Amino acid sequence: MNEIVLFAFVGFFAQLIDGALGMAYGVISMSVLLGMGVPPSAASASIHTAEIFTTGISGFSHMMFKNIDYRLFRRLIIPGVLGSILGALLLSYIPAKMIKPFISAYLFLMGGIILYKAIREMHWMDKVRNLINKALEREKRSHHPYRVIPLGFIGGFCDAVGGGGWGSIVSSSLLAQDESDPHYTVGTANLAEFFTALSSSIIFFAAIGIPHWRIVVGLVIGGAIAAPLAAFAIRYLPPRIVMFLAGSLIILISIYMTVIRFLK
């Protein structure tokens, strides 16, 4: 029970930040779990199993508010699923000692990306915050962002191997290409993320099972508690400060894991 409570705090903190920023749930959870000594494959499997619930609810909510560009969704989902399957297979069968340095480097990079987003001007985040409570009634003309297929594949692969990164890689790249209607971009990316999480979870379950079920339960409980609080907090929390703290935490944990590895 104590372990479940501990992992619930991890899920709560990660979901609180993700709900306020639209990204960083996976990379924060992965960073903390690896810092606690959980093997990479078990950590990613647990995170993506928990994300089936969180991204499923999020994607369904965006569908209800008509925040989905289905043309973009169709272009994003297939490469995203294929990338997540390949990433899950790779992580399941490569020894933990071999893959850990690469995951540490990846998490360090993701933390740097989040810090960069905190430092630069946050025009697109302001748009997301301003539109978050609007119930949209009109249909969207499909926009045509570039390089969606390779972006989806890379995002799905990195997300499965690194435990997170779909939002930081895919959502932010799509937003940079089309800022006119960010709610459609975020909604579409969130719905596609559900299917990438489901695909990688199936591969992880077939390859290694779910040996760390307490992590899954804790992450789901913590995330469920934090989700409504994050929806409220997004109105008041300065996104730059939240991003800066999240990015700094991820970088510090990745450095900690690297130092511990070399000291052993």
Protein backbone atom coordinates (compact mmCIF):
# COMPACT_ATOMS: atom_id res chain seq x y z
CA MET A 1 0.00 0.00 0.00
CA ASN A 2 2.86 2.39 0.80
CA GLU A 3 4.27 1.82 -2.71
CA ILE A 4 0.91 2.61 -4.31
CA VAL A 5 0.69 5.86 -2.35
CA LEU A 6 4.22 6.79 -3.43
CA PHE A 7 3.45 6.12 -7.10
CA ALA A 8 0.17 8.00 -6.72
CA PHE A 9 2.18 11.08 -5.74
CA VAL A 10 4.29 10.60 -8.88
CA GLY A 11 1.16 10.31 -11.03
CA PHE A 12 -0.43 13.29 -9.31
CA PHE A 13 2.57 15.54 -9.88
CA ALA A 14 3.07 14.43 -13.48
CA GLN A 15 -0.61 14.80 -14.39
CA LEU A 16 -0.85 18.18 -12.69
CA ILE A 17 1.94 19.52 -14.89
CA ASP A 18 0.70 17.72 -18.01
CA GLY A 19 -2.82 19.02 -17.52
CA ALA A 20 -1.53 22.57 -17.21
CA LEU A 21 0.94 22.36 -20.12
CA GLY A 22 -0.41 19.67 -22.41
CA MET A 23 2.86 17.73 -22.20
CA ALA A 24 5.49 16.15 -19.92
CA TYR A 25 3.41 13.44 -18.15
CA GLY A 26 5.46 10.59 -19.57
CA VAL A 27 8.92 12.14 -19.32
CA ILE A 28 8.33 13.28 -15.74
CA SER A 29 6.98 9.87 -14.69
CA MET A 30 9.79 8.06 -16.50
CA SER A 31 12.45 10.28 -14.94
CA VAL A 32 11.15 9.74 -11.41
CA LEU A 33 10.59 5.98 -11.83
CA LEU A 34 14.07 5.43 -13.27
CA GLY A 35 15.49 7.54 -10.46
CA MET A 36 13.75 5.16 -8.05
CA GLY A 37 15.44 2.18 -9.69
CA VAL A 38 12.56 0.81 -11.78
CA PRO A 39 13.84 -0.94 -14.96
CA PRO A 40 13.24 1.06 -18.18
CA SER A 41 10.92 -1.47 -19.81
CA ALA A 42 8.81 -1.87 -16.66
CA ALA A 43 8.66 1.91 -16.17
CA SER A 44 7.56 2.61 -19.75
CA ALA A 45 5.08 -0.29 -19.69
CA SER A 46 3.52 1.01 -16.47
CA ILE A 47 3.34 4.59 -17.74
CA HIS A 48 1.68 3.65 -21.02
CA THR A 49 -0.78 1.31 -19.32
CA ALA A 50 -1.80 4.17 -17.03
CA GLU A 51 -1.95 6.51 -20.04
CA ILE A 52 -4.60 4.33 -21.65
CA PHE A 53 -7.00 5.69 -19.04
CA THR A 54 -5.80 9.30 -19.00
CA THR A 55 -5.43 9.75 -22.76
CA GLY A 56 -8.66 7.86 -23.38
CA ILE A 57 -10.62 10.27 -21.22
CA SER A 58 -8.81 13.24 -22.73
CA GLY A 59 -9.37 12.09 -26.31
CA PHE A 60 -13.05 11.37 -25.69
CA SER A 61 -13.49 14.81 -24.14
CA HIS A 62 -11.92 16.47 -27.19
CA MET A 63 -14.25 14.47 -29.44
CA MET A 64 -17.26 15.70 -27.48
CA PHE A 65 -16.10 19.30 -27.91
CA LYS A 66 -15.42 18.71 -31.63
CA ASN A 67 -11.74 19.48 -31.24
CA ILE A 68 -10.63 16.76 -33.69
CA ASP A 69 -9.33 17.28 -37.22
CA TYR A 70 -10.01 13.78 -38.54
CA ARG A 71 -7.92 14.23 -41.68
CA LEU A 72 -4.89 15.08 -39.56
CA PHE A 73 -5.81 12.24 -37.17
CA ARG A 74 -5.77 9.66 -39.98
CA ARG A 75 -2.34 10.86 -41.13
CA LEU A 76 -0.97 10.78 -37.58
CA ILE A 77 -2.31 7.58 -36.06
CA ILE A 78 -0.83 4.89 -38.34
CA PRO A 79 2.82 6.03 -38.21
CA GLY A 80 2.40 6.85 -34.51
CA VAL A 81 1.17 3.33 -33.74
CA LEU A 82 3.91 1.72 -35.85
CA GLY A 83 6.58 3.81 -34.14
CA SER A 84 5.25 2.95 -30.68
CA ILE A 85 5.20 -0.78 -31.50
CA LEU A 86 8.79 -0.70 -32.73
CA GLY A 87 9.90 1.32 -29.70
CA ALA A 88 8.17 -1.05 -27.26
CA LEU A 89 9.76 -4.09 -28.93
CA LEU A 90 13.18 -2.47 -28.79
CA LEU A 91 12.87 -1.55 -25.12
CA SER A 92 11.50 -4.99 -24.17
CA TYR A 93 14.38 -7.00 -25.59
CA ILE A 94 17.44 -4.78 -25.11
CA PRO A 95 19.17 -5.22 -21.71
CA ALA A 96 18.46 -2.43 -19.23
CA LYS A 97 22.16 -1.65 -18.68
CA MET A 98 22.59 -1.06 -22.41
CA ILE A 99 19.53 1.14 -22.95
CA LYS A 100 19.68 3.25 -19.76
CA PRO A 101 22.39 5.69 -20.97
CA PHE A 102 20.39 6.43 -24.12
CA ILE A 103 17.20 6.99 -22.12
CA SER A 104 19.06 9.32 -19.76
CA ALA A 105 20.31 11.31 -22.76
CA TYR A 106 16.81 11.37 -24.25
CA LEU A 107 15.25 12.61 -21.02
CA PHE A 108 17.96 15.26 -20.73
CA LEU A 109 17.07 16.40 -24.26
CA MET A 110 13.34 16.46 -23.46
CA GLY A 111 14.03 18.50 -20.33
CA GLY A 112 16.05 20.92 -22.44
CA ILE A 113 13.21 21.25 -24.94
CA ILE A 114 10.76 22.04 -22.14
CA LEU A 115 13.17 24.61 -20.69
CA TYR A 116 13.52 26.18 -24.13
CA LYS A 117 9.75 26.47 -24.40
CA ALA A 118 9.70 28.11 -20.97
CA ILE A 119 12.29 30.70 -21.96
CA ARG A 120 10.92 31.67 -25.35
CA GLU A 121 7.74 33.65 -25.78
CA MET A 122 4.63 31.60 -25.06
CA HIS A 123 2.18 32.93 -27.66
CA TRP A 124 0.71 29.54 -28.54
CA MET A 125 0.26 28.61 -24.89
CA ASP A 126 -1.72 31.78 -24.31
CA LYS A 127 -4.00 30.80 -27.17
CA VAL A 128 -4.55 27.37 -25.69
CA ARG A 129 -5.37 28.84 -22.29
CA ASN A 130 -7.79 31.36 -23.78
CA LEU A 131 -9.65 28.67 -25.71
CA ILE A 132 -9.64 25.94 -23.08
CA ASN A 133 -13.16 26.62 -21.76
CA LYS A 134 -14.91 27.34 -25.05
CA ALA A 135 -17.40 24.78 -26.28
CA LEU A 136 -16.94 24.93 -30.05
CA GLU A 137 -19.94 24.43 -32.34
CA ARG A 138 -18.41 24.97 -35.80
CA GLU A 139 -16.57 22.39 -37.90
CA LYS A 140 -12.91 22.86 -38.76
CA ARG A 141 -11.42 23.09 -42.26
CA SER A 142 -8.56 20.61 -42.33
CA HIS A 143 -5.18 22.27 -42.32
CA HIS A 144 -2.14 20.68 -43.94
CA PRO A 145 0.89 20.59 -41.65
CA TYR A 146 4.05 19.19 -43.19
CA ARG A 147 5.93 15.98 -42.37
CA VAL A 148 3.09 14.49 -40.33
CA ILE A 149 3.93 10.86 -41.13
CA PRO A 150 7.62 10.93 -40.07
CA LEU A 151 6.68 13.15 -37.13
CA GLY A 152 4.10 10.62 -35.92
CA PHE A 153 6.51 7.70 -36.34
CA ILE A 154 9.37 9.43 -34.50
CA GLY A 155 7.02 10.65 -31.78
CA GLY A 156 5.54 7.18 -31.23
CA PHE A 157 8.95 5.51 -31.20
CA CYS A 158 10.56 7.99 -28.80
CA ASP A 159 7.49 7.97 -26.57
CA ALA A 160 7.61 4.18 -26.18
CA VAL A 161 11.38 3.99 -25.62
CA GLY A 162 11.64 7.04 -23.37
CA GLY A 163 8.35 6.61 -21.52
CA GLY A 164 7.07 9.93 -22.86
CA GLY A 165 7.63 12.68 -25.35
CA TRP A 166 4.59 12.53 -27.64
CA GLY A 167 3.39 15.93 -26.47
CA SER A 168 6.83 17.53 -26.53
CA ILE A 169 7.65 16.18 -30.00
CA VAL A 170 4.36 15.86 -31.89
CA SER A 171 1.98 18.38 -30.33
CA SER A 172 4.55 21.17 -30.13
CA SER A 173 5.75 20.57 -33.71
CA LEU A 174 2.21 20.64 -35.09
CA LEU A 175 1.41 23.77 -33.09
CA ALA A 176 4.49 25.47 -34.51
CA GLN A 177 3.25 24.73 -38.04
CA ASP A 178 -0.34 25.87 -37.50
CA GLU A 179 -1.15 28.26 -34.63
CA SER A 180 -4.51 29.42 -36.01
CA ASP A 181 -6.57 26.76 -34.20
CA PRO A 182 -4.44 25.19 -31.45
CA HIS A 183 -7.42 23.44 -29.83
CA TYR A 184 -7.78 21.21 -32.92
CA THR A 185 -4.08 20.39 -32.95
CA VAL A 186 -3.99 19.54 -29.24
CA GLY A 187 -7.24 17.57 -29.41
CA THR A 188 -6.14 15.55 -32.44
CA ALA A 189 -2.71 14.79 -30.99
CA ASN A 190 -4.28 13.71 -27.68
CA LEU A 191 -6.68 11.31 -29.38
CA ALA A 192 -3.85 9.81 -31.45
CA GLU A 193 -1.77 9.44 -28.29
CA PHE A 194 -4.43 7.12 -26.83
CA PHE A 195 -3.87 4.65 -29.66
CA THR A 196 -0.08 4.85 -29.42
CA ALA A 197 -0.29 4.21 -25.66
CA LEU A 198 -2.66 1.28 -26.24
CA SER A 199 -0.40 -0.24 -28.91
CA SER A 200 2.79 -0.01 -26.88
CA SER A 201 1.00 -1.34 -23.78
CA ILE A 202 -0.14 -4.43 -25.69
CA ILE A 203 3.44 -5.09 -26.85
CA PHE A 204 4.84 -4.58 -23.36
CA PHE A 205 2.19 -6.88 -21.86
CA ALA A 206 2.95 -9.61 -24.40
CA ALA A 207 6.72 -9.27 -23.93
CA ILE A 208 7.20 -8.71 -20.19
CA GLY A 209 3.72 -8.70 -18.65
CA ILE A 210 2.82 -6.10 -16.03
CA PRO A 211 5.08 -7.09 -13.12
CA HIS A 212 4.91 -3.66 -11.50
CA TRP A 213 1.12 -3.38 -11.26
CA ARG A 214 1.41 -1.17 -8.17
CA ILE A 215 3.00 1.51 -10.35
CA VAL A 216 0.05 1.40 -12.74
CA VAL A 217 -2.51 1.62 -9.94
CA GLY A 218 -0.66 4.48 -8.27
CA LEU A 219 -0.21 6.46 -11.49
CA VAL A 220 -3.89 6.07 -12.41
CA ILE A 221 -5.10 7.11 -8.94
CA GLY A 222 -2.76 10.09 -8.76
CA GLY A 223 -3.57 11.17 -12.31
CA ALA A 224 -7.31 10.91 -11.73
CA ILE A 225 -7.08 13.13 -8.65
CA ALA A 226 -4.85 15.67 -10.38
CA ALA A 227 -6.81 15.95 -13.66
CA PRO A 228 -9.61 18.24 -12.42
CA LEU A 229 -7.14 20.28 -10.36
CA ALA A 230 -4.97 20.78 -13.45
CA ALA A 231 -7.97 21.98 -15.44
CA PHE A 232 -8.54 24.58 -12.72
CA ALA A 233 -4.86 25.45 -12.27
CA ILE A 234 -4.30 26.16 -15.97
CA ARG A 235 -6.28 29.38 -15.51
CA TYR A 236 -3.96 30.74 -12.85
CA LEU A 237 -0.51 29.10 -13.03
CA PRO A 238 2.05 30.99 -15.15
CA PRO A 239 2.99 28.40 -17.80
CA ARG A 240 6.59 29.62 -18.00
CA ILE A 241 7.19 28.89 -14.32
CA VAL A 242 5.59 25.44 -14.51
CA MET A 243 7.59 24.58 -17.64
CA PHE A 244 10.83 25.82 -16.09
CA LEU A 245 10.33 23.71 -12.97
CA ALA A 246 9.33 20.61 -14.96
CA GLY A 247 12.25 20.91 -17.37
CA SER A 248 14.71 21.50 -14.54
CA LEU A 249 13.43 18.44 -12.66
CA ILE A 250 13.78 16.18 -15.70
CA ILE A 251 17.32 17.40 -16.42
CA LEU A 252 18.42 17.02 -12.79
CA ILE A 253 17.09 13.45 -12.58
CA SER A 254 18.75 12.48 -15.88
CA ILE A 255 22.06 13.89 -14.60
CA TYR A 256 21.57 12.02 -11.32
CA MET A 257 21.02 8.73 -13.16
CA THR A 258 24.12 9.30 -15.29
CA VAL A 259 26.30 10.10 -12.25
CA ILE A 260 25.02 7.07 -10.31
CA ARG A 261 25.73 4.83 -13.29
CA PHE A 262 29.35 5.95 -13.50
CA LEU A 263 29.87 5.68 -9.73
CA LYS A 264 28.78 2.05 -9.64
